[in-house]
Amino acid sequence: MLLDSKYIHPRLLFILKLTIFIVLFIDTTQIPLLTPHTTTTHSLAKRQDMSAPESFRMPTKEEQEARVAEWEAKLKDKYLVDDTASNNAPSSDAKADEQTKESDETDKAEEPQRETVLLSSLPQPLRIIKPGSRITRDLRPNRMNVVCDENGLILKVQFY
């Protein structure tokens, strides 16, 4: 016999037997086999009650574009304000705080009122991307990515 340990290394034999078992198990239990690019299932597993859960469904291109357009209309060219940071942190230099407050007041008097968006009002999961930010490459199509400049002006909204 070809699957005898005399002809094949024991670890390779184990992997081969395990693979055969898994293939037979999937065929007999009718578990859907989904590929990343299609939603077709194995021919024996085409049943209505065995569909993939909604949380794992990838959005279509049209759904993704509609969601991006909706959020860009709400957020683009507005300034992001982080209201989740602790404002009660003790300051080490009271004079510096007073000077920044005075400069902020004069800047506010000179600048027109700018539109802002509170960070806490945005949906979760959320990732804020500023210049020089490090980001991971994991794909999470339900995560909102807000691209800002160094001043907090929202430039772009994406979902990935």
N, C-alpha and C. Protein backbone atom coordinates (compact mmCIF):
# COMPACT_ATOMS: atom_id res chain seq x y z
N MET A 1 0.84 -1.19 0.00
CA MET A 1 0.00 0.00 0.00
C MET A 1 0.88 1.24 0.00
N LEU A 2 0.43 2.29 -0.71
CA LEU A 2 1.23 3.50 -0.85
C LEU A 2 1.22 4.36 0.40
N LEU A 3 0.17 4.26 1.22
CA LEU A 3 0.10 5.07 2.43
C LEU A 3 0.76 4.39 3.62
N ASP A 4 1.58 3.46 3.39
CA ASP A 4 2.30 2.76 4.46
C ASP A 4 3.46 3.64 4.92
N SER A 5 3.76 3.60 6.20
CA SER A 5 4.83 4.43 6.76
C SER A 5 6.20 4.05 6.23
N LYS A 6 6.30 2.91 5.56
CA LYS A 6 7.58 2.50 4.99
C LYS A 6 7.97 3.42 3.83
N TYR A 7 6.97 3.93 3.07
CA TYR A 7 7.24 4.74 1.89
C TYR A 7 7.16 6.25 2.16
N ILE A 8 6.45 6.66 3.19
CA ILE A 8 6.21 8.08 3.46
C ILE A 8 6.62 8.40 4.89
N HIS A 9 7.19 9.59 5.08
CA HIS A 9 7.59 10.05 6.41
C HIS A 9 6.34 10.11 7.31
N PRO A 10 6.46 9.74 8.59
CA PRO A 10 5.27 9.68 9.47
C PRO A 10 4.50 11.00 9.58
N ARG A 11 5.19 12.12 9.64
CA ARG A 11 4.48 13.41 9.75
C ARG A 11 3.70 13.71 8.48
N LEU A 12 4.31 13.43 7.34
CA LEU A 12 3.64 13.65 6.08
C LEU A 12 2.43 12.71 5.94
N LEU A 13 2.59 11.50 6.43
CA LEU A 13 1.49 10.53 6.41
C LEU A 13 0.33 11.04 7.27
N PHE A 14 0.63 11.58 8.43
CA PHE A 14 -0.39 12.12 9.31
C PHE A 14 -1.13 13.28 8.63
N ILE A 15 -0.41 14.19 8.00
CA ILE A 15 -1.02 15.33 7.33
C ILE A 15 -1.91 14.86 6.18
N LEU A 16 -1.44 13.89 5.45
CA LEU A 16 -2.21 13.35 4.33
C LEU A 16 -3.51 12.70 4.81
N LYS A 17 -3.41 11.89 5.86
CA LYS A 17 -4.61 11.24 6.41
C LYS A 17 -5.58 12.27 6.97
N LEU A 18 -5.06 13.29 7.63
CA LEU A 18 -5.91 14.34 8.18
C LEU A 18 -6.63 15.10 7.07
N THR A 19 -5.93 15.37 6.00
CA THR A 19 -6.54 16.06 4.86
C THR A 19 -7.66 15.23 4.25
N ILE A 20 -7.43 13.96 4.09
CA ILE A 20 -8.46 13.07 3.54
C ILE A 20 -9.67 13.02 4.47
N PHE A 21 -9.43 12.95 5.76
CA PHE A 21 -10.51 12.94 6.74
C PHE A 21 -11.34 14.23 6.65
N ILE A 22 -10.67 15.36 6.57
CA ILE A 22 -11.38 16.64 6.53
C ILE A 22 -12.22 16.75 5.28
N VAL A 23 -11.68 16.37 4.15
CA VAL A 23 -12.43 16.42 2.89
C VAL A 23 -13.66 15.52 2.97
N LEU A 24 -13.49 14.31 3.49
CA LEU A 24 -14.64 13.42 3.63
C LEU A 24 -15.65 13.93 4.63
N PHE A 25 -15.18 14.50 5.72
CA PHE A 25 -16.06 15.04 6.74
C PHE A 25 -16.89 16.19 6.18
N ILE A 26 -16.28 17.09 5.43
CA ILE A 26 -17.00 18.23 4.86
C ILE A 26 -18.02 17.74 3.84
N ASP A 27 -17.68 16.77 3.04
CA ASP A 27 -18.63 16.24 2.06
C ASP A 27 -19.84 15.59 2.74
N THR A 28 -19.61 14.87 3.82
CA THR A 28 -20.72 14.16 4.47
C THR A 28 -21.56 15.06 5.36
N THR A 29 -20.99 16.11 5.92
CA THR A 29 -21.76 16.99 6.82
C THR A 29 -22.39 18.16 6.11
N GLN A 30 -22.09 18.36 4.85
CA GLN A 30 -22.66 19.43 4.03
C GLN A 30 -22.38 20.81 4.61
N ILE A 31 -21.17 21.04 5.07
CA ILE A 31 -20.75 22.36 5.55
C ILE A 31 -20.46 23.23 4.33
N PRO A 32 -20.98 24.47 4.30
CA PRO A 32 -20.73 25.33 3.14
C PRO A 32 -19.24 25.65 3.02
N LEU A 33 -18.74 25.57 1.81
CA LEU A 33 -17.36 25.94 1.53
C LEU A 33 -17.38 27.28 0.82
N LEU A 34 -17.03 28.34 1.52
CA LEU A 34 -17.05 29.67 0.93
C LEU A 34 -15.65 30.10 0.58
N THR A 35 -15.49 30.62 -0.60
CA THR A 35 -14.21 31.19 -0.99
C THR A 35 -14.27 32.69 -0.75
N PRO A 36 -13.13 33.37 -0.62
CA PRO A 36 -13.17 34.80 -0.31
C PRO A 36 -13.78 35.65 -1.40
N HIS A 37 -13.74 35.22 -2.65
CA HIS A 37 -14.20 36.06 -3.73
C HIS A 37 -15.59 35.71 -4.23
N THR A 38 -16.13 34.58 -3.83
CA THR A 38 -17.45 34.20 -4.29
C THR A 38 -18.30 33.78 -3.11
N THR A 39 -19.58 33.70 -3.35
CA THR A 39 -20.49 33.24 -2.31
C THR A 39 -21.12 31.91 -2.69
N THR A 40 -20.54 31.23 -3.66
CA THR A 40 -21.08 29.92 -4.03
C THR A 40 -20.63 28.89 -3.02
N THR A 41 -21.43 27.87 -2.85
CA THR A 41 -21.11 26.82 -1.88
C THR A 41 -20.85 25.52 -2.61
N HIS A 42 -20.36 24.57 -1.88
CA HIS A 42 -20.09 23.25 -2.42
C HIS A 42 -21.40 22.65 -2.91
N SER A 43 -21.36 21.84 -3.95
CA SER A 43 -22.58 21.34 -4.58
C SER A 43 -23.46 20.54 -3.62
N LEU A 44 -22.86 19.84 -2.66
CA LEU A 44 -23.66 19.07 -1.71
C LEU A 44 -24.20 19.92 -0.58
N ALA A 45 -23.68 21.12 -0.43
CA ALA A 45 -24.06 21.94 0.72
C ALA A 45 -24.98 23.09 0.37
N LYS A 46 -25.66 23.04 -0.76
CA LYS A 46 -26.56 24.13 -1.14
C LYS A 46 -27.90 23.96 -0.44
N ARG A 47 -27.96 24.56 0.73
CA ARG A 47 -29.19 24.54 1.52
C ARG A 47 -29.46 25.94 2.02
N GLN A 48 -30.71 26.32 2.13
CA GLN A 48 -31.06 27.67 2.56
C GLN A 48 -30.69 27.93 4.01
N ASP A 49 -30.84 26.94 4.88
CA ASP A 49 -30.60 27.15 6.30
C ASP A 49 -29.12 27.13 6.67
N MET A 50 -28.22 26.87 5.74
CA MET A 50 -26.80 26.81 6.02
C MET A 50 -26.06 28.05 5.50
N SER A 51 -26.75 29.16 5.34
CA SER A 51 -26.10 30.36 4.81
C SER A 51 -25.16 30.96 5.85
N ALA A 52 -24.22 31.77 5.37
CA ALA A 52 -23.23 32.39 6.26
C ALA A 52 -23.92 33.45 7.12
N PRO A 53 -23.48 33.62 8.36
CA PRO A 53 -24.06 34.64 9.23
C PRO A 53 -23.87 36.03 8.63
N GLU A 54 -24.77 36.93 8.95
CA GLU A 54 -24.74 38.29 8.40
C GLU A 54 -23.46 39.03 8.81
N SER A 55 -22.91 38.76 9.96
CA SER A 55 -21.73 39.48 10.42
C SER A 55 -20.50 39.19 9.58
N PHE A 56 -20.49 38.12 8.81
CA PHE A 56 -19.34 37.77 8.00
C PHE A 56 -19.52 38.12 6.53
N ARG A 57 -20.64 38.72 6.17
CA ARG A 57 -20.89 39.05 4.78
C ARG A 57 -20.12 40.30 4.39
N MET A 58 -19.36 40.19 3.31
CA MET A 58 -18.62 41.34 2.80
C MET A 58 -19.59 42.26 2.06
N PRO A 59 -19.50 43.57 2.29
CA PRO A 59 -20.40 44.48 1.57
C PRO A 59 -20.03 44.54 0.10
N THR A 60 -21.03 44.77 -0.71
CA THR A 60 -20.78 44.91 -2.15
C THR A 60 -20.12 46.26 -2.42
N LYS A 61 -19.61 46.42 -3.61
CA LYS A 61 -18.94 47.67 -3.98
C LYS A 61 -19.92 48.83 -3.90
N GLU A 62 -21.16 48.60 -4.33
CA GLU A 62 -22.17 49.66 -4.31
C GLU A 62 -22.52 50.06 -2.88
N GLU A 63 -22.67 49.06 -2.00
CA GLU A 63 -22.95 49.36 -0.59
C GLU A 63 -21.81 50.15 0.04
N GLN A 64 -20.59 49.76 -0.27
CA GLN A 64 -19.41 50.43 0.27
C GLN A 64 -19.36 51.89 -0.21
N GLU A 65 -19.59 52.10 -1.51
CA GLU A 65 -19.55 53.45 -2.08
C GLU A 65 -20.65 54.33 -1.50
N ALA A 66 -21.84 53.76 -1.30
CA ALA A 66 -22.95 54.52 -0.73
C ALA A 66 -22.65 54.92 0.71
N ARG A 67 -22.07 54.02 1.46
CA ARG A 67 -21.73 54.31 2.86
C ARG A 67 -20.65 55.39 2.94
N VAL A 68 -19.64 55.30 2.08
CA VAL A 68 -18.58 56.32 2.05
C VAL A 68 -19.16 57.67 1.66
N ALA A 69 -20.02 57.71 0.64
CA ALA A 69 -20.62 58.97 0.19
C ALA A 69 -21.48 59.59 1.30
N GLU A 70 -22.22 58.76 2.02
CA GLU A 70 -23.06 59.26 3.12
C GLU A 70 -22.21 59.92 4.20
N TRP A 71 -21.14 59.24 4.62
CA TRP A 71 -20.32 59.78 5.70
C TRP A 71 -19.44 60.94 5.24
N GLU A 72 -18.99 60.93 4.00
CA GLU A 72 -18.20 62.06 3.51
C GLU A 72 -19.05 63.32 3.45
N ALA A 73 -20.33 63.18 3.08
CA ALA A 73 -21.22 64.34 3.06
C ALA A 73 -21.39 64.92 4.47
N LYS A 74 -21.38 64.06 5.48
CA LYS A 74 -21.54 64.51 6.86
C LYS A 74 -20.26 65.10 7.45
N LEU A 75 -19.09 64.55 7.05
CA LEU A 75 -17.86 64.87 7.77
C LEU A 75 -16.83 65.69 7.00
N LYS A 76 -16.80 65.61 5.69
CA LYS A 76 -15.72 66.23 4.93
C LYS A 76 -15.67 67.74 5.14
N ASP A 77 -14.45 68.26 5.24
CA ASP A 77 -14.16 69.68 5.44
C ASP A 77 -14.65 70.20 6.78
N LYS A 78 -14.81 69.32 7.75
CA LYS A 78 -15.11 69.72 9.12
C LYS A 78 -13.92 69.34 9.98
N TYR A 79 -13.86 69.91 11.16
CA TYR A 79 -12.74 69.64 12.06
C TYR A 79 -13.15 68.62 13.12
N LEU A 80 -12.27 67.68 13.37
CA LEU A 80 -12.52 66.63 14.35
C LEU A 80 -12.05 67.10 15.72
N VAL A 81 -12.94 67.02 16.70
CA VAL A 81 -12.63 67.43 18.07
C VAL A 81 -12.68 66.19 18.96
N ASP A 82 -11.59 65.94 19.67
CA ASP A 82 -11.51 64.79 20.56
C ASP A 82 -12.13 65.16 21.90
N ASP A 83 -13.37 64.77 22.11
CA ASP A 83 -14.05 65.05 23.37
C ASP A 83 -13.94 63.88 24.35
N THR A 84 -13.24 62.83 23.95
CA THR A 84 -13.08 61.67 24.82
C THR A 84 -11.86 61.79 25.72
N ALA A 85 -10.95 62.74 25.43
CA ALA A 85 -9.74 62.91 26.25
C ALA A 85 -10.12 63.53 27.59
N SER A 86 -9.34 63.20 28.58
CA SER A 86 -9.59 63.72 29.93
C SER A 86 -9.19 65.19 29.99
N ASN A 87 -10.15 66.05 30.25
CA ASN A 87 -9.87 67.49 30.36
C ASN A 87 -9.52 67.88 31.79
N ASN A 88 -9.62 66.96 32.73
CA ASN A 88 -9.36 67.26 34.13
C ASN A 88 -7.94 66.93 34.54
N ALA A 89 -7.06 66.67 33.60
CA ALA A 89 -5.68 66.33 33.94
C ALA A 89 -4.98 67.54 34.52
N PRO A 90 -4.25 67.37 35.63
CA PRO A 90 -3.58 68.51 36.24
C PRO A 90 -2.46 69.03 35.34
N SER A 91 -2.33 70.35 35.29
CA SER A 91 -1.31 70.97 34.46
C SER A 91 -0.06 71.23 35.28
N SER A 92 1.09 71.07 34.66
CA SER A 92 2.34 71.27 35.37
C SER A 92 2.75 72.73 35.36
N ASP A 93 2.25 73.51 34.42
CA ASP A 93 2.65 74.91 34.31
C ASP A 93 1.41 75.78 34.12
N ALA A 94 1.01 76.47 35.16
CA ALA A 94 -0.20 77.28 35.11
C ALA A 94 -0.05 78.47 34.18
N LYS A 95 1.16 79.06 34.11
CA LYS A 95 1.37 80.22 33.23
C LYS A 95 1.21 79.83 31.76
N ALA A 96 1.72 78.68 31.41
CA ALA A 96 1.60 78.23 30.02
C ALA A 96 0.14 78.01 29.65
N ASP A 97 -0.63 77.49 30.61
CA ASP A 97 -2.06 77.28 30.37
C ASP A 97 -2.77 78.61 30.14
N GLU A 98 -2.43 79.62 30.97
CA GLU A 98 -3.06 80.93 30.82
C GLU A 98 -2.71 81.56 29.48
N GLN A 99 -1.45 81.41 29.05
CA GLN A 99 -1.03 81.98 27.78
C GLN A 99 -1.75 81.31 26.61
N THR A 100 -1.89 80.00 26.68
CA THR A 100 -2.59 79.31 25.59
C THR A 100 -4.06 79.68 25.56
N LYS A 101 -4.67 79.86 26.74
CA LYS A 101 -6.08 80.27 26.77
C LYS A 101 -6.25 81.66 26.15
N GLU A 102 -5.32 82.59 26.49
CA GLU A 102 -5.40 83.94 25.92
C GLU A 102 -5.20 83.92 24.41
N SER A 103 -4.23 83.13 23.94
CA SER A 103 -3.99 83.06 22.49
C SER A 103 -5.17 82.39 21.78
N ASP A 104 -5.78 81.40 22.43
CA ASP A 104 -6.95 80.75 21.84
C ASP A 104 -8.11 81.73 21.71
N GLU A 105 -8.29 82.59 22.74
CA GLU A 105 -9.38 83.55 22.71
C GLU A 105 -9.17 84.57 21.59
N THR A 106 -7.92 85.03 21.39
CA THR A 106 -7.66 86.00 20.32
C THR A 106 -7.81 85.33 18.96
N ASP A 107 -7.39 84.05 18.85
CA ASP A 107 -7.55 83.33 17.59
C ASP A 107 -9.02 83.13 17.25
N LYS A 108 -9.82 82.84 18.27
CA LYS A 108 -11.25 82.64 18.04
C LYS A 108 -11.93 83.91 17.58
N ALA A 109 -11.47 85.05 18.10
CA ALA A 109 -12.05 86.32 17.70
C ALA A 109 -11.72 86.64 16.25
N GLU A 110 -10.53 86.25 15.78
CA GLU A 110 -10.11 86.54 14.42
C GLU A 110 -10.68 85.54 13.41
N GLU A 111 -10.78 84.26 13.77
CA GLU A 111 -11.22 83.22 12.86
C GLU A 111 -12.75 83.15 12.78
N PRO A 112 -13.28 82.84 11.61
CA PRO A 112 -14.72 82.57 11.55
C PRO A 112 -15.03 81.25 12.25
N GLN A 113 -16.27 81.08 12.66
CA GLN A 113 -16.67 79.86 13.34
C GLN A 113 -16.51 78.67 12.40
N ARG A 114 -15.77 77.65 12.81
CA ARG A 114 -15.57 76.48 11.96
C ARG A 114 -16.44 75.32 12.44
N GLU A 115 -16.87 74.51 11.49
CA GLU A 115 -17.73 73.38 11.80
C GLU A 115 -16.89 72.26 12.40
N THR A 116 -17.38 71.67 13.47
CA THR A 116 -16.65 70.61 14.15
C THR A 116 -17.52 69.36 14.27
N VAL A 117 -16.83 68.24 14.45
CA VAL A 117 -17.48 66.95 14.66
C VAL A 117 -16.85 66.35 15.91
N LEU A 118 -17.68 65.92 16.84
CA LEU A 118 -17.16 65.29 18.06
C LEU A 118 -16.77 63.85 17.78
N LEU A 119 -15.63 63.45 18.32
CA LEU A 119 -15.14 62.10 18.13
C LEU A 119 -16.11 61.07 18.69
N SER A 120 -16.75 61.39 19.79
CA SER A 120 -17.69 60.45 20.42
C SER A 120 -18.96 60.24 19.60
N SER A 121 -19.24 61.13 18.64
CA SER A 121 -20.45 60.98 17.82
C SER A 121 -20.26 60.07 16.62
N LEU A 122 -19.02 59.63 16.36
CA LEU A 122 -18.75 58.78 15.21
C LEU A 122 -18.96 57.31 15.57
N PRO A 123 -19.36 56.50 14.59
CA PRO A 123 -19.64 55.08 14.88
C PRO A 123 -18.37 54.29 15.16
N GLN A 124 -18.53 53.24 15.92
CA GLN A 124 -17.42 52.33 16.22
C GLN A 124 -17.57 51.09 15.38
N PRO A 125 -16.54 50.40 14.98
CA PRO A 125 -15.14 50.69 15.21
C PRO A 125 -14.68 51.86 14.34
N LEU A 126 -13.71 52.61 14.87
CA LEU A 126 -13.26 53.83 14.25
C LEU A 126 -11.75 53.91 14.31
N ARG A 127 -11.14 54.47 13.26
CA ARG A 127 -9.70 54.70 13.27
C ARG A 127 -9.46 56.09 12.68
N ILE A 128 -8.72 56.91 13.42
CA ILE A 128 -8.36 58.25 12.97
C ILE A 128 -6.95 58.16 12.39
N ILE A 129 -6.79 58.61 11.16
CA ILE A 129 -5.49 58.53 10.48
C ILE A 129 -5.02 59.95 10.22
N LYS A 130 -3.92 60.33 10.89
CA LYS A 130 -3.30 61.64 10.71
C LYS A 130 -1.97 61.45 9.99
N PRO A 131 -1.39 62.52 9.47
CA PRO A 131 -0.09 62.37 8.79
C PRO A 131 0.94 61.74 9.72
N GLY A 132 1.60 60.71 9.24
CA GLY A 132 2.61 60.01 10.03
C GLY A 132 2.06 58.92 10.92
N SER A 133 0.73 58.72 10.91
CA SER A 133 0.14 57.66 11.74
C SER A 133 0.50 56.30 11.19
N ARG A 134 0.73 55.37 12.09
CA ARG A 134 0.95 53.99 11.68
C ARG A 134 -0.39 53.27 11.70
N ILE A 135 -0.63 52.50 10.65
CA ILE A 135 -1.89 51.76 10.58
C ILE A 135 -1.59 50.30 10.24
N THR A 136 -2.47 49.44 10.69
CA THR A 136 -2.33 48.02 10.38
C THR A 136 -2.97 47.74 9.03
N ARG A 137 -2.66 46.58 8.47
CA ARG A 137 -3.21 46.22 7.16
C ARG A 137 -4.38 45.25 7.25
N ASP A 138 -4.93 45.07 8.42
CA ASP A 138 -6.04 44.14 8.54
C ASP A 138 -7.29 44.73 7.89
N LEU A 139 -8.08 43.86 7.29
CA LEU A 139 -9.28 44.28 6.59
C LEU A 139 -10.49 44.13 7.49
N ARG A 140 -11.11 45.24 7.81
CA ARG A 140 -12.34 45.25 8.60
C ARG A 140 -13.31 46.20 7.88
N PRO A 141 -14.14 45.67 7.00
CA PRO A 141 -14.98 46.54 6.17
C PRO A 141 -16.00 47.37 6.93
N ASN A 142 -16.25 47.05 8.19
CA ASN A 142 -17.20 47.85 8.96
C ASN A 142 -16.50 48.96 9.76
N ARG A 143 -15.17 49.05 9.69
CA ARG A 143 -14.43 50.07 10.44
C ARG A 143 -14.32 51.35 9.63
N MET A 144 -14.73 52.46 10.25
CA MET A 144 -14.63 53.75 9.60
C MET A 144 -13.22 54.30 9.80
N ASN A 145 -12.58 54.72 8.72
CA ASN A 145 -11.26 55.33 8.76
C ASN A 145 -11.43 56.80 8.37
N VAL A 146 -11.10 57.69 9.29
CA VAL A 146 -11.22 59.12 9.04
C VAL A 146 -9.81 59.66 8.84
N VAL A 147 -9.54 60.18 7.64
CA VAL A 147 -8.22 60.72 7.31
C VAL A 147 -8.27 62.23 7.56
N CYS A 148 -7.37 62.70 8.45
CA CYS A 148 -7.32 64.11 8.83
C CYS A 148 -5.96 64.70 8.51
N ASP A 149 -5.90 66.03 8.43
CA ASP A 149 -4.60 66.68 8.34
C ASP A 149 -4.09 66.95 9.76
N GLU A 150 -2.96 67.62 9.88
CA GLU A 150 -2.37 67.84 11.21
C GLU A 150 -3.21 68.74 12.09
N ASN A 151 -4.12 69.54 11.50
CA ASN A 151 -4.98 70.43 12.29
C ASN A 151 -6.31 69.80 12.67
N GLY A 152 -6.57 68.60 12.17
CA GLY A 152 -7.82 67.92 12.48
C GLY A 152 -8.88 68.08 11.42
N LEU A 153 -8.56 68.71 10.28
CA LEU A 153 -9.51 68.86 9.19
C LEU A 153 -9.72 67.51 8.52
N ILE A 154 -10.97 67.08 8.41
CA ILE A 154 -11.27 65.78 7.82
C ILE A 154 -11.15 65.88 6.31
N LEU A 155 -10.27 65.07 5.74
CA LEU A 155 -10.01 65.08 4.30
C LEU A 155 -10.77 63.99 3.57
N LYS A 156 -10.89 62.82 4.21
CA LYS A 156 -11.45 61.67 3.51
C LYS A 156 -12.03 60.70 4.53
N VAL A 157 -13.04 59.96 4.12
CA VAL A 157 -13.64 58.90 4.93
C VAL A 157 -13.61 57.63 4.11
N GLN A 158 -13.14 56.53 4.73
CA GLN A 158 -13.05 55.25 4.05
C GLN A 158 -13.50 54.16 5.00
N PHE A 159 -13.85 53.02 4.44
CA PHE A 159 -14.20 51.85 5.24
C PHE A 159 -13.33 50.69 4.79
N TYR A 160 -12.35 50.29 5.63
CA TYR A 160 -11.52 49.12 5.39
C TYR A 160 -10.87 48.67 6.66
